């Protein structure tokens, strides 16, 4: 899988057909004195159109669609039509002029460019077997056949901006899952960046978590303004505990999870950063959230930030933050001390983020299952000695044993693919 999992734009067959019709009629009637005259062959015309149609970008899809419906809605033109099997190219030109008078297509410049390219080389020669006696019925049948073939070849769903939708198309999502699994097989997951993919999938992933466990009270937020409003809402509604999965979009999206607990009418908000605040993306997100909350002057609201240092970069920040949301809910009682210290003002000194070795003193071992390296787990276990032998999952594994099960040996290091396997698991759940 490439470094970035971008989902590239693809034009749908319907858009191409609309583009072609709009460009064809936009520049005004085709004159019979034009280089395209009665001696012009339709085969050459079709060849030119097929070459150019993939480059034409229409400015008004709706108008082109109306025209397209008019041309093709009733199927091939029957021989009983005034334009029957005896219709020649000159009759076609006359018909096009009549159609153009009733259809106001946009894209004048693009259509003009098309005409210039079509006619720049002079009249099309008649040496082709498909000559001026070719009927309009044959032309439209040819176009309909091409259109049907293109539609058959391209069955992937498209969103409004023409990007393939892995959100709602199972076939596309299954293909993505297959790529993710291959990334584990060939160890390319280590260098791949899944942040954009997770950003695309996150609305459905968050909905999936809330559907499974409504008490998690998880919201996906992509702007500081919306975050402030969401915090105000849960506080006003008297919700004692909730989570906000915050993401800053951009060239390199970054995620963090915010845990909210209200204790004795005072609200504690702690942002958990899965990497380190020394990384630029983490720092920008932290400063943005902190500034927004402070500027809102939320009453009896106390905000702090804590770094986890579980992963090296932003690639896994989305999926791990999502996994943290459930853990923060399930371990809410164990986090109460941390929230109380936040309200009391002793969690962080002078607003400085809590470093990861201090965070280790508050959190149970289940939060460290997706640490990328054994070195990080060793640091946690040295602070929490009970986790040398304490089980952290329903498989009765300790942290080190679980790490061994998910480890991948590279040339110079051993890393865990645990978060990648969880990503695959969460994506697969959306296909069922």
Protein backbone atom coordinates (compact mmCIF):
# COMPACT_ATOMS: atom_id res chain seq x y z
CA UNK A 1 0.00 0.00 0.00
CA UNK A 2 1.38 3.52 -0.83
CA UNK A 3 2.58 5.92 1.84
CA UNK A 4 -0.75 7.72 1.91
CA UNK A 5 -4.10 5.97 1.52
CA UNK A 6 -5.62 8.70 -0.61
CA UNK A 7 -8.81 7.83 -2.45
CA UNK A 8 -8.25 9.29 -5.94
CA UNK A 9 -10.96 11.04 -8.03
CA UNK A 10 -12.57 8.96 -10.74
CA UNK A 11 -15.17 10.24 -13.24
CA UNK A 12 -18.37 8.17 -13.40
CA UNK A 13 -19.74 7.02 -16.72
CA UNK A 14 -22.85 9.13 -16.22
CA UNK A 15 -20.77 12.29 -15.70
CA UNK A 16 -18.74 11.56 -18.83
CA UNK A 17 -21.89 11.14 -20.94
CA UNK A 18 -23.32 14.41 -19.57
CA UNK A 19 -19.98 16.18 -20.18
CA UNK A 20 -19.91 14.99 -23.80
CA UNK A 21 -23.46 16.09 -24.59
CA UNK A 22 -23.02 19.48 -22.95
CA UNK A 23 -19.76 20.26 -24.77
CA UNK A 24 -21.26 19.06 -28.07
CA UNK A 25 -24.18 21.51 -28.03
CA UNK A 26 -22.81 24.48 -26.06
CA UNK A 27 -21.15 26.48 -28.81
CA UNK A 28 -24.18 27.08 -31.02
CA UNK A 29 -25.57 25.50 -34.20
CA UNK A 30 -23.15 23.60 -36.39
CA UNK A 31 -23.26 25.24 -39.80
CA UNK A 32 -23.46 23.11 -42.93
CA UNK A 33 -20.73 25.33 -44.35
CA UNK A 34 -18.48 24.11 -41.54
CA UNK A 35 -15.54 21.81 -42.31
CA UNK A 36 -17.85 19.16 -40.80
CA UNK A 37 -20.14 18.87 -43.81
CA UNK A 38 -22.13 16.21 -45.55
CA UNK A 39 -18.97 14.44 -46.65
CA UNK A 40 -17.82 13.93 -43.07
CA UNK A 41 -17.82 10.35 -41.75
CA UNK A 42 -19.45 9.50 -38.45
CA UNK A 43 -16.78 6.96 -37.59
CA UNK A 44 -14.12 9.68 -37.48
CA UNK A 45 -16.45 11.94 -35.51
CA UNK A 46 -17.08 9.19 -32.95
CA UNK A 47 -13.35 8.49 -32.72
CA UNK A 48 -12.65 12.17 -32.01
CA UNK A 49 -15.41 12.35 -29.43
CA UNK A 50 -14.26 9.20 -27.62
CA UNK A 51 -10.71 10.58 -27.38
CA UNK A 52 -11.85 13.94 -26.07
CA UNK A 53 -14.75 12.99 -23.82
CA UNK A 54 -12.55 11.89 -20.91
CA UNK A 55 -10.94 15.38 -20.77
CA UNK A 56 -14.12 17.45 -20.92
CA UNK A 57 -15.19 18.88 -17.54
CA UNK A 58 -18.75 20.26 -17.67
CA UNK A 59 -19.65 23.35 -15.58
CA UNK A 60 -23.33 22.52 -15.24
CA UNK A 61 -24.09 18.84 -14.65
CA UNK A 62 -27.83 19.38 -14.18
CA UNK A 63 -28.36 20.92 -17.61
CA UNK A 64 -26.22 18.29 -19.26
CA UNK A 65 -28.21 15.58 -17.46
CA UNK A 66 -31.49 16.99 -18.82
CA UNK A 67 -30.06 16.92 -22.32
CA UNK A 68 -28.74 13.41 -21.82
CA UNK A 69 -32.18 12.22 -20.71
CA UNK A 70 -33.75 13.77 -23.79
CA UNK A 71 -31.32 11.94 -26.05
CA UNK A 72 -31.41 8.51 -24.41
CA UNK A 73 -34.52 8.19 -22.23
CA UNK A 74 -36.62 6.35 -24.79
CA UNK A 75 -33.90 4.00 -26.04
CA UNK A 76 -32.76 3.79 -29.68
CA UNK A 77 -34.76 5.99 -32.07
CA UNK A 78 -37.23 3.81 -33.94
CA UNK A 79 -37.46 3.73 -37.73
CA UNK A 80 -40.98 5.16 -37.45
CA UNK A 81 -39.45 8.39 -36.15
CA UNK A 82 -39.02 11.39 -38.48
CA UNK A 83 -35.32 10.64 -37.95
CA UNK A 84 -35.35 7.10 -39.26
CA UNK A 85 -32.87 4.69 -40.73
CA UNK A 86 -32.60 6.84 -43.80
CA UNK A 87 -31.42 9.89 -41.93
CA UNK A 88 -27.98 11.09 -43.07
CA UNK A 89 -25.34 13.27 -41.47
CA UNK A 90 -26.85 16.46 -42.91
CA UNK A 91 -30.17 15.54 -41.26
CA UNK A 92 -28.31 14.89 -38.03
CA UNK A 93 -26.78 18.38 -38.16
CA UNK A 94 -30.23 19.91 -38.71
CA UNK A 95 -31.58 17.93 -35.75
CA UNK A 96 -28.70 19.06 -33.56
CA UNK A 97 -29.46 22.69 -34.38
CA UNK A 98 -33.08 22.19 -33.33
CA UNK A 99 -32.07 20.52 -30.08
CA UNK A 100 -29.58 23.27 -29.31
CA UNK A 101 -32.30 25.91 -29.58
CA UNK A 102 -34.25 24.27 -26.72
CA UNK A 103 -31.33 23.37 -24.45
CA UNK A 104 -29.25 26.11 -22.81
CA UNK A 105 -26.02 24.25 -22.06
CA UNK A 106 -23.21 25.93 -20.10
CA UNK A 107 -19.47 25.55 -20.57
CA UNK A 108 -19.03 27.80 -23.63
CA UNK A 109 -15.24 28.00 -23.39
CA UNK A 110 -14.80 24.25 -23.02
CA UNK A 111 -17.19 23.51 -25.89
CA UNK A 112 -15.36 26.07 -28.04
CA UNK A 113 -12.09 24.31 -27.25
CA UNK A 114 -13.69 21.03 -28.30
CA UNK A 115 -14.85 22.45 -31.63
CA UNK A 116 -11.42 23.94 -32.33
CA UNK A 117 -9.76 20.62 -31.67
CA UNK A 118 -12.31 18.75 -33.77
CA UNK A 119 -12.11 21.05 -36.79
CA UNK A 120 -8.53 22.38 -36.67
CA UNK A 121 -7.24 19.86 -39.18
CA UNK A 122 -9.88 20.58 -41.83
CA UNK A 123 -12.65 18.36 -43.23
CA UNK A 124 -12.79 14.75 -42.08
CA UNK A 125 -12.10 12.49 -45.06
CA UNK A 126 -14.61 10.00 -46.45
CA UNK A 127 -12.21 7.10 -46.86
CA UNK A 128 -13.75 5.29 -43.85
CA UNK A 129 -16.20 2.41 -44.44
CA UNK A 130 -18.57 4.32 -42.11
CA UNK A 131 -19.43 7.17 -44.47
CA UNK A 132 -22.03 9.91 -44.80
CA UNK A 133 -24.81 7.41 -45.40
CA UNK A 134 -24.53 6.13 -41.83
CA UNK A 135 -27.86 6.62 -40.08
CA UNK A 136 -28.62 8.51 -36.88
CA UNK A 137 -30.13 5.33 -35.43
CA UNK A 138 -26.77 3.56 -35.81
CA UNK A 139 -24.94 6.46 -34.20
CA UNK A 140 -27.19 6.57 -31.15
CA UNK A 141 -27.11 2.77 -30.82
CA UNK A 142 -23.31 2.97 -30.81
CA UNK A 143 -23.33 5.65 -28.11
CA UNK A 144 -25.82 3.69 -25.98
CA UNK A 145 -23.68 0.54 -26.25
CA UNK A 146 -20.55 2.43 -25.19
CA UNK A 147 -22.42 3.98 -22.29
CA UNK A 148 -23.69 0.58 -21.08
CA UNK A 149 -20.22 -0.97 -21.31
CA UNK A 150 -18.68 1.83 -19.25
CA UNK A 151 -21.38 1.51 -16.60
CA UNK A 152 -20.77 -2.23 -16.34
CA UNK A 153 -17.01 -1.75 -15.92
CA UNK A 154 -17.38 0.83 -13.17
CA UNK A 155 -19.73 -0.32 -10.42
CA UNK A 156 -18.05 1.49 -7.48
CA UNK A 157 -20.34 3.98 -5.73
CA UNK A 158 -19.45 7.63 -5.95
CA UNK A 159 -19.93 10.47 -3.47
CA UNK A 160 -21.00 13.96 -4.46
CA UNK A 161 -17.38 14.97 -5.12
CA UNK A 162 -16.78 11.91 -7.34
CA UNK A 163 -14.57 10.05 -4.86
CA UNK A 164 -15.19 6.32 -4.41
CA UNK A 165 -17.21 5.89 -1.25
CA UNK A 166 -15.74 3.34 1.13
CA UNK A 167 -18.27 4.65 3.62
CA UNK A 168 -21.27 2.89 2.10
CA UNK A 169 -19.96 0.55 -0.59
CA UNK A 170 -19.17 -2.89 0.79
CA UNK A 171 -17.14 -3.95 -2.22
CA UNK A 172 -14.86 -0.94 -1.95
CA UNK A 173 -14.48 -1.37 1.81
CA UNK A 174 -13.63 -5.05 1.42
CA UNK A 175 -10.91 -4.06 -1.01
CA UNK A 176 -9.51 -1.59 1.52
CA UNK A 177 -9.57 -4.26 4.23
CA UNK A 178 -7.69 -6.64 1.95
CA UNK A 179 -5.02 -3.98 1.43
CA UNK A 180 -4.73 -3.45 5.19
CA UNK A 181 -4.22 -7.17 5.71
CA UNK A 182 -1.58 -7.26 3.00
CA UNK A 183 0.21 -4.38 4.73
CA UNK A 184 0.69 -6.64 7.75
CA UNK A 185 1.88 -9.53 5.58
CA UNK A 186 4.56 -7.46 3.86
CA UNK A 187 5.26 -5.26 6.93
CA UNK A 188 4.50 -2.04 5.02
CA UNK A 189 2.07 -0.96 7.77
CA UNK A 190 5.07 0.38 9.69
CA UNK A 191 5.67 3.18 7.18
CA UNK A 192 2.13 3.65 5.87
CA UNK A 193 -0.04 6.56 6.98
CA UNK A 194 -3.67 5.69 7.68
CA UNK A 195 -4.77 9.05 9.09
CA UNK A 196 -6.75 10.13 6.02
CA UNK A 197 -8.46 6.76 5.74
CA UNK A 198 -9.41 6.80 9.42
CA UNK A 199 -10.72 10.34 9.03
CA UNK A 200 -12.99 9.18 6.20
CA UNK A 201 -14.26 6.22 8.20
CA UNK A 202 -14.48 7.87 11.62
CA UNK A 203 -18.13 9.05 11.49
CA UNK A 204 -19.31 5.48 10.91
CA UNK A 205 -16.81 4.03 13.38
CA UNK A 206 -18.03 6.40 16.10
CA UNK A 207 -21.66 5.57 15.32
CA UNK A 208 -20.79 1.90 15.52
CA UNK A 209 -19.29 2.36 19.01
CA UNK A 210 -22.30 4.32 20.24
CA UNK A 211 -24.70 1.72 18.84
CA UNK A 212 -22.87 -1.07 20.66
CA UNK A 213 -22.56 0.88 23.90
CA UNK A 214 -24.77 3.99 24.20
CA UNK A 215 -23.28 4.78 27.62
CA UNK A 216 -19.98 5.61 25.96
CA UNK A 217 -21.44 9.01 24.91
CA UNK A 218 -18.85 9.46 22.16
CA UNK A 219 -18.88 12.39 19.74
CA UNK A 220 -16.67 12.96 16.71
CA UNK A 221 -15.55 16.61 16.50
CA UNK A 222 -13.54 18.36 13.77
CA UNK A 223 -13.61 22.00 14.90
CA UNK A 224 -12.80 23.74 18.21
CA UNK A 225 -16.03 25.75 18.00
CA UNK A 226 -18.13 22.62 17.78
CA UNK A 227 -16.14 21.09 20.62
CA UNK A 228 -16.96 23.99 22.94
CA UNK A 229 -20.67 23.82 22.05
CA UNK A 230 -20.71 20.05 22.60
CA UNK A 231 -19.07 20.42 26.02
CA UNK A 232 -21.58 23.09 27.02
CA UNK A 233 -24.42 20.84 25.91
CA UNK A 234 -23.38 17.76 27.90
CA UNK A 235 -22.74 19.89 30.99
CA UNK A 236 -26.12 21.63 30.71
CA UNK A 237 -27.83 18.26 30.27
CA UNK A 238 -26.19 16.96 33.43
CA UNK A 239 -24.37 14.09 31.69
CA UNK A 240 -21.81 12.83 34.23
CA UNK A 241 -19.36 11.29 31.75
CA UNK A 242 -18.73 11.51 28.00
CA UNK A 243 -15.98 11.47 25.37
CA UNK A 244 -15.02 13.70 22.45
CA UNK A 245 -12.88 12.30 19.64
CA UNK A 246 -11.21 15.44 18.33
CA UNK A 247 -9.54 15.70 14.92
CA UNK A 248 -7.80 18.54 13.15
CA UNK A 249 -8.12 18.02 9.40
CA UNK A 250 -5.47 18.96 6.86
CA UNK A 251 -2.61 17.41 4.93
CA UNK A 252 -1.76 15.26 7.94
CA UNK A 253 -4.87 14.75 10.13
CA UNK A 254 -4.29 14.19 13.82
CA UNK A 255 -6.62 12.82 16.50
CA UNK A 256 -6.90 12.92 20.28
CA UNK A 257 -9.55 11.77 22.76
CA UNK A 258 -11.02 14.00 25.47
CA UNK A 259 -12.59 12.45 28.56
CA UNK A 260 -15.22 14.39 30.52
CA UNK A 261 -16.27 13.67 34.06
CA UNK A 262 -18.45 15.93 36.20
CA UNK A 263 -17.82 15.55 39.92
CA UNK A 264 -19.75 17.62 42.48
CA UNK A 265 -20.94 20.09 39.80
CA UNK A 266 -17.39 20.64 38.55
CA UNK A 267 -16.39 19.40 35.12
CA UNK A 268 -12.99 17.88 34.42
CA UNK A 269 -11.75 17.60 30.83
CA UNK A 270 -8.57 15.66 30.07
CA UNK A 271 -7.17 15.37 26.55
CA UNK A 272 -5.21 12.16 25.99
CA UNK A 273 -2.55 12.42 23.28
CA UNK A 274 -1.50 9.01 21.93
CA UNK A 275 1.91 10.29 20.73
CA UNK A 276 4.01 13.04 22.36
CA UNK A 277 3.41 16.78 22.38
CA UNK A 278 6.92 17.20 20.97
CA UNK A 279 5.38 16.26 17.62
CA UNK A 280 4.06 19.26 15.71
CA UNK A 281 0.62 17.82 14.90
CA UNK A 282 0.03 16.89 18.53
CA UNK A 283 1.18 20.30 19.72
CA UNK A 284 -1.05 22.16 17.25
CA UNK A 285 -4.11 20.12 18.20
CA UNK A 286 -3.42 20.54 21.93
CA UNK A 287 -2.91 24.30 21.70
CA UNK A 288 -6.00 24.70 19.50
CA UNK A 289 -8.24 22.83 21.93
CA UNK A 290 -6.77 24.52 25.00
CA UNK A 291 -7.20 28.00 23.50
CA UNK A 292 -10.80 27.32 22.46
CA UNK A 293 -11.83 26.04 25.90
CA UNK A 294 -10.07 28.88 27.73
CA UNK A 295 -11.59 31.50 25.41
CA UNK A 296 -15.08 30.11 26.03
CA UNK A 297 -14.63 30.61 29.80
CA UNK A 298 -16.80 27.62 30.60
CA UNK A 299 -17.90 27.88 34.25
CA UNK A 300 -16.50 25.32 36.70
CA UNK A 301 -14.63 23.60 33.88
CA UNK A 302 -11.05 22.37 34.30
CA UNK A 303 -8.94 21.31 31.32
CA UNK A 304 -5.63 19.44 31.20
CA UNK A 305 -3.63 17.47 28.64
CA UNK A 306 -1.82 14.17 29.08
CA UNK A 307 0.55 12.47 26.64
CA UNK A 308 0.72 8.70 26.28
CA UNK A 309 3.69 8.15 23.94
CA UNK A 310 2.26 4.89 22.60
CA UNK A 311 2.98 5.53 18.91
CA UNK A 312 5.58 7.38 16.90
CA UNK A 313 3.36 9.51 14.63
CA UNK A 314 -0.15 10.58 13.63
CA UNK A 315 -0.93 7.50 11.55
CA UNK A 316 -2.37 5.51 14.46
CA UNK A 317 -3.74 8.43 16.49
CA UNK A 318 -7.24 7.99 15.07
CA UNK A 319 -7.76 4.28 15.66
CA UNK A 320 -6.09 4.32 19.10
CA UNK A 321 -8.13 7.35 20.20
CA UNK A 322 -11.25 5.45 19.12
CA UNK A 323 -10.17 2.41 21.16
CA UNK A 324 -9.43 4.67 24.13
CA UNK A 325 -13.00 5.97 24.12
CA UNK A 326 -14.37 2.60 25.22
CA UNK A 327 -11.58 2.09 27.76
CA UNK A 328 -12.25 5.53 29.27
CA UNK A 329 -15.87 4.51 29.71
CA UNK A 330 -15.16 1.06 31.15
CA UNK A 331 -12.41 2.34 33.46
CA UNK A 332 -14.25 5.51 34.52
CA UNK A 333 -14.03 4.66 38.22
CA UNK A 334 -10.26 4.16 38.03
CA UNK A 335 -9.87 7.50 36.27
CA UNK A 336 -11.83 9.37 38.93
CA UNK A 337 -8.66 10.08 40.93
CA UNK A 338 -7.05 11.64 37.87
CA UNK A 339 -10.09 13.86 37.27
CA UNK A 340 -10.24 14.88 40.91
CA UNK A 341 -6.58 15.89 40.80
CA UNK A 342 -7.34 17.88 37.66
CA UNK A 343 -10.14 19.78 39.39
CA UNK A 344 -7.93 20.34 42.42
CA UNK A 345 -5.17 21.78 40.24
CA UNK A 346 -2.50 19.24 41.17
CA UNK A 347 -2.55 17.10 38.02
CA UNK A 348 -0.54 19.50 35.86
CA UNK A 349 1.75 22.29 37.00
CA UNK A 350 1.19 25.71 35.44
CA UNK A 351 -0.88 24.27 32.59
CA UNK A 352 1.99 22.16 31.23
CA UNK A 353 0.87 18.84 29.70
CA UNK A 354 1.34 15.83 31.93
CA UNK A 355 4.33 13.79 30.63
CA UNK A 356 3.80 10.14 29.85
CA UNK A 357 5.78 8.79 32.81
CA UNK A 358 3.40 10.71 35.11
CA UNK A 359 0.36 9.51 33.19
CA UNK A 360 1.56 5.94 33.82
CA UNK A 361 0.89 6.46 37.53
CA UNK A 362 -2.84 7.00 36.90
CA UNK A 363 -3.89 4.61 34.14
CA UNK A 364 -4.50 0.85 34.32
CA UNK A 365 -2.55 -1.50 32.07
CA UNK A 366 -5.40 -2.02 29.60
CA UNK A 367 -4.58 1.40 28.10
CA UNK A 368 -1.16 0.14 27.01
CA UNK A 369 -2.17 -2.88 24.93
CA UNK A 370 -1.53 -1.01 21.69
CA UNK A 371 1.89 0.40 22.55
CA UNK A 372 4.09 0.13 19.48
CA UNK A 373 7.23 -1.21 21.17
CA UNK A 374 8.27 -3.40 24.07
CA UNK A 375 10.42 -0.57 25.39
CA UNK A 376 7.34 1.55 26.09
CA UNK A 377 5.57 -1.34 27.83
CA UNK A 378 8.67 -1.99 29.94
CA UNK A 379 8.62 1.62 31.17
CA UNK A 380 4.98 1.31 32.19
CA UNK A 381 5.50 -2.03 33.95
CA UNK A 382 8.48 -0.65 35.86
CA UNK A 383 6.15 2.01 37.30
CA UNK A 384 3.30 -0.44 37.87
CA UNK A 385 5.03 -3.61 39.04
CA UNK A 386 1.80 -5.58 39.41
CA UNK A 387 1.54 -5.73 35.62
CA UNK A 388 4.49 -8.09 35.44
CA UNK A 389 1.91 -10.78 36.15
CA UNK A 390 -1.48 -9.06 36.00
CA UNK A 391 -3.75 -10.14 33.14
CA UNK A 392 -5.00 -7.43 30.81
CA UNK A 393 -7.52 -9.25 28.57
CA UNK A 394 -9.92 -12.17 28.39
CA UNK A 395 -7.15 -14.36 26.98
CA UNK A 396 -5.39 -14.16 30.35
CA UNK A 397 -2.37 -12.48 28.78
CA UNK A 398 0.01 -10.08 30.46
CA UNK A 399 1.19 -7.02 28.53
CA UNK A 400 4.47 -8.56 27.39
CA UNK A 401 2.83 -11.77 26.18
CA UNK A 402 0.22 -9.86 24.22
CA UNK A 403 2.95 -7.76 22.63
CA UNK A 404 4.79 -10.92 21.57
CA UNK A 405 1.66 -12.24 19.87
CA UNK A 406 1.29 -9.09 17.77
CA UNK A 407 4.97 -8.40 17.11
CA UNK A 408 6.49 -8.19 13.64
CA UNK A 409 10.23 -8.59 13.20
CA UNK A 410 11.82 -5.99 10.95
CA UNK A 411 15.46 -5.60 9.97
CA UNK A 412 16.40 -3.36 12.85
CA UNK A 413 13.50 -3.56 15.33
CA UNK A 414 10.42 -5.37 16.56
CA UNK A 415 7.10 -3.51 16.40
CA UNK A 416 3.51 -4.35 17.24
CA UNK A 417 0.80 -4.53 14.58
CA UNK A 418 -1.89 -4.53 17.28
CA UNK A 419 -3.49 -1.23 16.26
CA UNK A 420 -3.52 -2.30 12.60
CA UNK A 421 -5.33 -5.52 13.49
CA UNK A 422 -7.85 -3.50 15.50
CA UNK A 423 -8.39 -1.19 12.54
CA UNK A 424 -9.11 -4.20 10.34
CA UNK A 425 -11.48 -5.59 12.96
CA UNK A 426 -13.42 -2.32 13.23
CA UNK A 427 -13.63 -1.92 9.44
CA UNK A 428 -14.84 -5.50 9.01
CA UNK A 429 -17.62 -4.88 11.51
CA UNK A 430 -18.96 -2.20 9.16
CA UNK A 431 -19.25 -4.71 6.31
CA UNK A 432 -21.42 -7.17 8.22
